[in-house]
Amino acid sequence: MKQSNATQQAVVEHTVAERLSTASDDHAAYIGLDVHKASISVAIAEAGRKAPAFRGEIPNEPQAIDKLVRQLSQRFVG
C-alpha cells in the first residue's frame, strides 16, 4: 500500500522533530569558533534553542585555547 504525500510529510516532520529533541537532550551547548590566524571568535548556543551569544575573542595560541576548553568543560560538564 502506498502512503499519501501528506502521510509521508507527517512522518518526515515527526522524525526531524524527534532528532532535534534528542540532540538538545544530548548536548548542553553548541560552541561556534570562527578561527583566524591571530584570533578565534567564540559563540555559544545553549540547549533549548536559545539564540547564540557572542562570547568574545581569544588569541589563537595553545594556552588560550586550553583555557577556553577548561572553562567550557567546567561550565557544561565535559
PDB file of N, CA and C in Angstrom:
ATOM      1  N   MET A   1       0.844  -1.164   0.000  1.00  0.00           N
ATOM      2  CA  MET A   1       0.000   0.000   0.000  1.00  0.00           C
ATOM      3  C   MET A   1       0.898   1.239   0.000  1.00  0.00           C
ATOM      4  N   LYS A   2       0.549   2.197  -0.820  1.00  0.00           N
ATOM      5  CA  LYS A   2       1.347   3.406  -0.983  1.00  0.00           C
ATOM      6  C   LYS A   2       0.841   4.503  -0.034  1.00  0.00           C
ATOM      7  N   GLN A   3       1.797   5.207   0.632  1.00  0.00           N
ATOM      8  CA  GLN A   3       1.419   6.296   1.531  1.00  0.00           C
ATOM      9  C   GLN A   3       1.147   7.556   0.724  1.00  0.00           C
ATOM     10  N   SER A   4       0.243   8.366   1.236  1.00  0.00           N
ATOM     11  CA  SER A   4      -0.023   9.641   0.570  1.00  0.00           C
ATOM     12  C   SER A   4       1.101  10.625   0.888  1.00  0.00           C
ATOM     13  N   ASN A   5       1.192  11.681   0.092  1.00  0.00           N
ATOM     14  CA  ASN A   5       2.203  12.708   0.343  1.00  0.00           C
ATOM     15  C   ASN A   5       2.031  13.336   1.718  1.00  0.00           C
ATOM     16  N   ALA A   6       0.798  13.541   2.159  1.00  0.00           N
ATOM     17  CA  ALA A   6       0.541  14.137   3.475  1.00  0.00           C
ATOM     18  C   ALA A   6       1.064  13.231   4.579  1.00  0.00           C
ATOM     19  N   THR A   7       0.864  11.936   4.440  1.00  0.00           N
ATOM     20  CA  THR A   7       1.341  10.982   5.439  1.00  0.00           C
ATOM     21  C   THR A   7       2.866  10.952   5.454  1.00  0.00           C
ATOM     22  N   GLN A   8       3.473  10.933   4.274  1.00  0.00           N
ATOM     23  CA  GLN A   8       4.934  10.935   4.196  1.00  0.00           C
ATOM     24  C   GLN A   8       5.505  12.195   4.835  1.00  0.00           C
ATOM     25  N   GLN A   9       4.897  13.352   4.589  1.00  0.00           N
ATOM     26  CA  GLN A   9       5.361  14.615   5.154  1.00  0.00           C
ATOM     27  C   GLN A   9       5.248  14.588   6.672  1.00  0.00           C
ATOM     28  N   ALA A  10       4.172  14.044   7.200  1.00  0.00           N
ATOM     29  CA  ALA A  10       3.984  13.963   8.650  1.00  0.00           C
ATOM     30  C   ALA A  10       5.057  13.080   9.282  1.00  0.00           C
ATOM     31  N   VAL A  11       5.392  11.985   8.627  1.00  0.00           N
ATOM     32  CA  VAL A  11       6.434  11.091   9.127  1.00  0.00           C
ATOM     33  C   VAL A  11       7.779  11.808   9.141  1.00  0.00           C
ATOM     34  N   VAL A  12       8.102  12.523   8.078  1.00  0.00           N
ATOM     35  CA  VAL A  12       9.365  13.262   7.992  1.00  0.00           C
ATOM     36  C   VAL A  12       9.425  14.330   9.086  1.00  0.00           C
ATOM     37  N   GLU A  13       8.341  15.097   9.256  1.00  0.00           N
ATOM     38  CA  GLU A  13       8.327  16.147  10.272  1.00  0.00           C
ATOM     39  C   GLU A  13       8.485  15.562  11.664  1.00  0.00           C
ATOM     40  N   HIS A  14       7.841  14.440  11.929  1.00  0.00           N
ATOM     41  CA  HIS A  14       7.965  13.789  13.232  1.00  0.00           C
ATOM     42  C   HIS A  14       9.407  13.338  13.469  1.00  0.00           C
ATOM     43  N   THR A  15      10.019  12.744  12.452  1.00  0.00           N
ATOM     44  CA  THR A  15      11.403  12.272  12.566  1.00  0.00           C
ATOM     45  C   THR A  15      12.353  13.433  12.812  1.00  0.00           C
ATOM     46  N   VAL A  16      12.198  14.537  12.103  1.00  0.00           N
ATOM     47  CA  VAL A  16      13.057  15.707  12.283  1.00  0.00           C
ATOM     48  C   VAL A  16      12.884  16.264  13.688  1.00  0.00           C
ATOM     49  N   ALA A  17      11.650  16.411  14.147  1.00  0.00           N
ATOM     50  CA  ALA A  17      11.389  16.929  15.490  1.00  0.00           C
ATOM     51  C   ALA A  17      11.998  16.016  16.548  1.00  0.00           C
ATOM     52  N   GLU A  18      11.914  14.714  16.326  1.00  0.00           N
ATOM     53  CA  GLU A  18      12.478  13.746  17.271  1.00  0.00           C
ATOM     54  C   GLU A  18      13.998  13.877  17.326  1.00  0.00           C
ATOM     55  N   ARG A  19      14.641  14.030  16.181  1.00  0.00           N
ATOM     56  CA  ARG A  19      16.104  14.197  16.141  1.00  0.00           C
ATOM     57  C   ARG A  19      16.530  15.470  16.844  1.00  0.00           C
ATOM     58  N   LEU A  20      15.817  16.561  16.603  1.00  0.00           N
ATOM     59  CA  LEU A  20      16.163  17.829  17.244  1.00  0.00           C
ATOM     60  C   LEU A  20      15.990  17.740  18.750  1.00  0.00           C
ATOM     61  N   SER A  21      14.943  17.094  19.189  1.00  0.00           N
ATOM     62  CA  SER A  21      14.702  16.927  20.617  1.00  0.00           C
ATOM     63  C   SER A  21      15.807  16.094  21.248  1.00  0.00           C
ATOM     64  N   THR A  22      16.180  15.010  20.604  1.00  0.00           N
ATOM     65  CA  THR A  22      17.243  14.144  21.102  1.00  0.00           C
ATOM     66  C   THR A  22      18.573  14.880  21.125  1.00  0.00           C
ATOM     67  N   ALA A  23      18.856  15.666  20.101  1.00  0.00           N
ATOM     68  CA  ALA A  23      20.118  16.412  20.046  1.00  0.00           C
ATOM     69  C   ALA A  23      20.210  17.397  21.193  1.00  0.00           C
ATOM     70  N   SER A  24      19.126  18.088  21.513  1.00  0.00           N
ATOM     71  CA  SER A  24      19.193  19.062  22.602  1.00  0.00           C
ATOM     72  C   SER A  24      19.310  18.363  23.945  1.00  0.00           C
ATOM     73  N   ASP A  25      18.836  17.110  24.051  1.00  0.00           N
ATOM     74  CA  ASP A  25      18.991  16.356  25.287  1.00  0.00           C
ATOM     75  C   ASP A  25      20.432  15.890  25.471  1.00  0.00           C
ATOM     76  N   ASP A  26      21.121  15.604  24.383  1.00  0.00           N
ATOM     77  CA  ASP A  26      22.484  15.087  24.452  1.00  0.00           C
ATOM     78  C   ASP A  26      23.519  16.166  24.698  1.00  0.00           C
ATOM     79  N   HIS A  27      23.255  17.384  24.282  1.00  0.00           N
ATOM     80  CA  HIS A  27      24.258  18.440  24.335  1.00  0.00           C
ATOM     81  C   HIS A  27      23.770  19.612  25.183  1.00  0.00           C
ATOM     82  N   ALA A  28      24.641  20.084  26.064  1.00  0.00           N
ATOM     83  CA  ALA A  28      24.300  21.243  26.893  1.00  0.00           C
ATOM     84  C   ALA A  28      24.421  22.523  26.082  1.00  0.00           C
ATOM     85  N   ALA A  29      25.319  22.522  25.093  1.00  0.00           N
ATOM     86  CA  ALA A  29      25.533  23.725  24.284  1.00  0.00           C
ATOM     87  C   ALA A  29      26.254  23.361  22.990  1.00  0.00           C
ATOM     88  N   TYR A  30      26.121  24.240  22.036  1.00  0.00           N
ATOM     89  CA  TYR A  30      26.882  24.154  20.790  1.00  0.00           C
ATOM     90  C   TYR A  30      27.849  25.322  20.795  1.00  0.00           C
ATOM     91  N   ILE A  31      29.103  25.043  20.512  1.00  0.00           N
ATOM     92  CA  ILE A  31      30.144  26.058  20.537  1.00  0.00           C
ATOM     93  C   ILE A  31      30.551  26.356  19.098  1.00  0.00           C
ATOM     94  N   GLY A  32      30.515  27.635  18.739  1.00  0.00           N
ATOM     95  CA  GLY A  32      30.938  28.059  17.408  1.00  0.00           C
ATOM     96  C   GLY A  32      32.263  28.789  17.501  1.00  0.00           C
ATOM     97  N   LEU A  33      33.205  28.394  16.670  1.00  0.00           N
ATOM     98  CA  LEU A  33      34.526  29.018  16.647  1.00  0.00           C
ATOM     99  C   LEU A  33      34.813  29.533  15.245  1.00  0.00           C
ATOM    100  N   ASP A  34      35.092  30.824  15.139  1.00  0.00           N
ATOM    101  CA  ASP A  34      35.482  31.437  13.870  1.00  0.00           C
ATOM    102  C   ASP A  34      36.987  31.670  13.966  1.00  0.00           C
ATOM    103  N   VAL A  35      37.736  30.785  13.340  1.00  0.00           N
ATOM    104  CA  VAL A  35      39.184  30.747  13.522  1.00  0.00           C
ATOM    105  C   VAL A  35      39.896  31.584  12.467  1.00  0.00           C
ATOM    106  N   HIS A  36      40.782  32.443  12.941  1.00  0.00           N
ATOM    107  CA  HIS A  36      41.626  33.263  12.086  1.00  0.00           C
ATOM    108  C   HIS A  36      43.080  33.043  12.493  1.00  0.00           C
ATOM    109  N   LYS A  37      43.978  33.592  11.734  1.00  0.00           N
ATOM    110  CA  LYS A  37      45.397  33.394  12.010  1.00  0.00           C
ATOM    111  C   LYS A  37      45.789  33.900  13.398  1.00  0.00           C
ATOM    112  N   ALA A  38      45.302  35.067  13.798  1.00  0.00           N
ATOM    113  CA  ALA A  38      45.711  35.670  15.064  1.00  0.00           C
ATOM    114  C   ALA A  38      44.685  35.526  16.189  1.00  0.00           C
ATOM    115  N   SER A  39      43.425  35.244  15.850  1.00  0.00           N
ATOM    116  CA  SER A  39      42.394  35.202  16.892  1.00  0.00           C
ATOM    117  C   SER A  39      41.325  34.159  16.581  1.00  0.00           C
ATOM    118  N   ILE A  40      40.527  33.850  17.616  1.00  0.00           N
ATOM    119  CA  ILE A  40      39.392  32.946  17.485  1.00  0.00           C
ATOM    120  C   ILE A  40      38.194  33.625  18.141  1.00  0.00           C
ATOM    121  N   SER A  41      37.119  33.818  17.379  1.00  0.00           N
ATOM    122  CA  SER A  41      35.879  34.361  17.929  1.00  0.00           C
ATOM    123  C   SER A  41      35.052  33.192  18.450  1.00  0.00           C
ATOM    124  N   VAL A  42      34.451  33.374  19.632  1.00  0.00           N
ATOM    125  CA  VAL A  42      33.722  32.294  20.292  1.00  0.00           C
ATOM    126  C   VAL A  42      32.254  32.690  20.466  1.00  0.00           C
ATOM    127  N   ALA A  43      31.347  31.792  20.082  1.00  0.00           N
ATOM    128  CA  ALA A  43      29.914  31.967  20.311  1.00  0.00           C
ATOM    129  C   ALA A  43      29.373  30.673  20.911  1.00  0.00           C
ATOM    130  N   ILE A  44      28.365  30.811  21.780  1.00  0.00           N
ATOM    131  CA  ILE A  44      27.778  29.650  22.442  1.00  0.00           C
ATOM    132  C   ILE A  44      26.263  29.698  22.275  1.00  0.00           C
ATOM    133  N   ALA A  45      25.692  28.580  21.824  1.00  0.00           N
ATOM    134  CA  ALA A  45      24.238  28.418  21.767  1.00  0.00           C
ATOM    135  C   ALA A  45      23.884  27.335  22.781  1.00  0.00           C
ATOM    136  N   GLU A  46      23.249  27.744  23.861  1.00  0.00           N
ATOM    137  CA  GLU A  46      22.900  26.776  24.902  1.00  0.00           C
ATOM    138  C   GLU A  46      21.686  25.966  24.479  1.00  0.00           C
ATOM    139  N   ALA A  47      21.496  24.826  25.105  1.00  0.00           N
ATOM    140  CA  ALA A  47      20.386  23.933  24.777  1.00  0.00           C
ATOM    141  C   ALA A  47      19.052  24.657  24.946  1.00  0.00           C
ATOM    142  N   GLY A  48      18.054  24.172  24.242  1.00  0.00           N
ATOM    143  CA  GLY A  48      16.731  24.757  24.337  1.00  0.00           C
ATOM    144  C   GLY A  48      16.451  25.764  23.259  1.00  0.00           C
ATOM    145  N   ARG A  49      17.260  25.719  22.186  1.00  0.00           N
ATOM    146  CA  ARG A  49      17.047  26.588  21.028  1.00  0.00           C
ATOM    147  C   ARG A  49      17.198  28.063  21.335  1.00  0.00           C
ATOM    148  N   LYS A  50      18.012  28.395  22.313  1.00  0.00           N
ATOM    149  CA  LYS A  50      18.291  29.802  22.573  1.00  0.00           C
ATOM    150  C   LYS A  50      19.183  30.339  21.462  1.00  0.00           C
ATOM    151  N   ALA A  51      19.102  31.637  21.237  1.00  0.00           N
ATOM    152  CA  ALA A  51      19.937  32.262  20.207  1.00  0.00           C
ATOM    153  C   ALA A  51      21.401  32.212  20.644  1.00  0.00           C
ATOM    154  N   PRO A  52      22.316  32.026  19.702  1.00  0.00           N
ATOM    155  CA  PRO A  52      23.739  32.020  20.057  1.00  0.00           C
ATOM    156  C   PRO A  52      24.154  33.367  20.633  1.00  0.00           C
ATOM    157  N   ALA A  53      25.063  33.314  21.587  1.00  0.00           N
ATOM    158  CA  ALA A  53      25.571  34.537  22.212  1.00  0.00           C
ATOM    159  C   ALA A  53      27.067  34.651  21.925  1.00  0.00           C
ATOM    160  N   PHE A  54      27.491  35.801  21.434  1.00  0.00           N
ATOM    161  CA  PHE A  54      28.902  36.042  21.174  1.00  0.00           C
ATOM    162  C   PHE A  54      29.614  36.169  22.512  1.00  0.00           C
ATOM    163  N   ARG A  55      30.704  35.420  22.697  1.00  0.00           N
ATOM    164  CA  ARG A  55      31.433  35.418  23.967  1.00  0.00           C
ATOM    165  C   ARG A  55      32.787  36.106  23.887  1.00  0.00           C
ATOM    166  N   GLY A  56      33.116  36.640  22.729  1.00  0.00           N
ATOM    167  CA  GLY A  56      34.360  37.383  22.601  1.00  0.00           C
ATOM    168  C   GLY A  56      35.392  36.674  21.754  1.00  0.00           C
ATOM    169  N   GLU A  57      36.593  37.230  21.793  1.00  0.00           N
ATOM    170  CA  GLU A  57      37.710  36.665  21.036  1.00  0.00           C
ATOM    171  C   GLU A  57      38.816  36.248  21.982  1.00  0.00           C
ATOM    172  N   ILE A  58      39.539  35.231  21.566  1.00  0.00           N
ATOM    173  CA  ILE A  58      40.734  34.812  22.288  1.00  0.00           C
ATOM    174  C   ILE A  58      41.876  34.775  21.287  1.00  0.00           C
ATOM    175  N   PRO A  59      43.107  34.896  21.771  1.00  0.00           N
ATOM    176  CA  PRO A  59      44.241  34.755  20.847  1.00  0.00           C
ATOM    177  C   PRO A  59      44.307  33.320  20.314  1.00  0.00           C
ATOM    178  N   ASN A  60      44.753  33.160  19.094  1.00  0.00           N
ATOM    179  CA  ASN A  60      44.917  31.830  18.512  1.00  0.00           C
ATOM    180  C   ASN A  60      46.265  31.274  18.958  1.00  0.00           C
ATOM    181  N   GLU A  61      46.304  30.917  20.240  1.00  0.00           N
ATOM    182  CA  GLU A  61      47.516  30.380  20.871  1.00  0.00           C
ATOM    183  C   GLU A  61      47.122  29.179  21.719  1.00  0.00           C
ATOM    184  N   PRO A  62      47.989  28.179  21.828  1.00  0.00           N
ATOM    185  CA  PRO A  62      47.651  26.966  22.585  1.00  0.00           C
ATOM    186  C   PRO A  62      47.195  27.234  24.026  1.00  0.00           C
ATOM    187  N   GLN A  63      47.836  28.166  24.717  1.00  0.00           N
ATOM    188  CA  GLN A  63      47.479  28.435  26.105  1.00  0.00           C
ATOM    189  C   GLN A  63      46.048  28.987  26.209  1.00  0.00           C
ATOM    190  N   ALA A  64      45.677  29.878  25.320  1.00  0.00           N
ATOM    191  CA  ALA A  64      44.343  30.477  25.339  1.00  0.00           C
ATOM    192  C   ALA A  64      43.278  29.437  24.981  1.00  0.00           C
ATOM    193  N   ILE A  65      43.581  28.580  24.030  1.00  0.00           N
ATOM    194  CA  ILE A  65      42.639  27.528  23.633  1.00  0.00           C
ATOM    195  C   ILE A  65      42.447  26.540  24.777  1.00  0.00           C
ATOM    196  N   ASP A  66      43.527  26.171  25.434  1.00  0.00           N
ATOM    197  CA  ASP A  66      43.452  25.270  26.586  1.00  0.00           C
ATOM    198  C   ASP A  66      42.587  25.871  27.692  1.00  0.00           C
ATOM    199  N   LYS A  67      42.769  27.155  27.967  1.00  0.00           N
ATOM    200  CA  LYS A  67      41.984  27.839  28.988  1.00  0.00           C
ATOM    201  C   LYS A  67      40.503  27.845  28.607  1.00  0.00           C
ATOM    202  N   LEU A  68      40.199  28.125  27.346  1.00  0.00           N
ATOM    203  CA  LEU A  68      38.810  28.128  26.880  1.00  0.00           C
ATOM    204  C   LEU A  68      38.173  26.753  27.055  1.00  0.00           C
ATOM    205  N   VAL A  69      38.871  25.703  26.653  1.00  0.00           N
ATOM    206  CA  VAL A  69      38.343  24.347  26.760  1.00  0.00           C
ATOM    207  C   VAL A  69      38.096  23.985  28.227  1.00  0.00           C
ATOM    208  N   ARG A  70      39.008  24.350  29.117  1.00  0.00           N
ATOM    209  CA  ARG A  70      38.815  24.077  30.542  1.00  0.00           C
ATOM    210  C   ARG A  70      37.583  24.804  31.086  1.00  0.00           C
ATOM    211  N   GLN A  71      37.438  26.072  30.716  1.00  0.00           N
ATOM    212  CA  GLN A  71      36.277  26.851  31.183  1.00  0.00           C
ATOM    213  C   GLN A  71      34.971  26.248  30.673  1.00  0.00           C
ATOM    214  N   LEU A  72      34.941  25.903  29.398  1.00  0.00           N
ATOM    215  CA  LEU A  72      33.724  25.317  28.833  1.00  0.00           C
ATOM    216  C   LEU A  72      33.422  23.956  29.439  1.00  0.00           C
ATOM    217  N   SER A  73      34.442  23.166  29.707  1.00  0.00           N
ATOM    218  CA  SER A  73      34.257  21.844  30.309  1.00  0.00           C
ATOM    219  C   SER A  73      33.673  21.967  31.703  1.00  0.00           C
ATOM    220  N   GLN A  74      34.103  22.946  32.459  1.00  0.00           N
ATOM    221  CA  GLN A  74      33.555  23.156  33.804  1.00  0.00           C
ATOM    222  C   GLN A  74      32.117  23.654  33.725  1.00  0.00           C
ATOM    223  N   ARG A  75      31.861  24.584  32.844  1.00  0.00           N
ATOM    224  CA  ARG A  75      30.522  25.174  32.738  1.00  0.00           C
ATOM    225  C   ARG A  75      29.485  24.183  32.221  1.00  0.00           C
ATOM    226  N   PHE A  76      29.873  23.366  31.247  1.00  0.00           N
ATOM    227  CA  PHE A  76      28.926  22.457  30.614  1.00  0.00           C
ATOM    228  C   PHE A  76      29.200  20.993  30.934  1.00  0.00           C
ATOM    229  N   VAL A  77      29.897  20.710  31.973  1.00  0.00           N
ATOM    230  CA  VAL A  77      30.195  19.370  32.446  1.00  0.00           C
ATOM    231  C   VAL A  77      30.722  18.469  31.335  1.00  0.00           C
ATOM    232  N   GLY A  78      31.948  18.706  30.959  1.00  0.00           N
ATOM    233  CA  GLY A  78      32.634  17.869  29.991  1.00  0.00           C
ATOM    234  C   GLY A  78      32.379  18.239  28.593  1.00  0.00           C
TER     235      GLY A  78
END
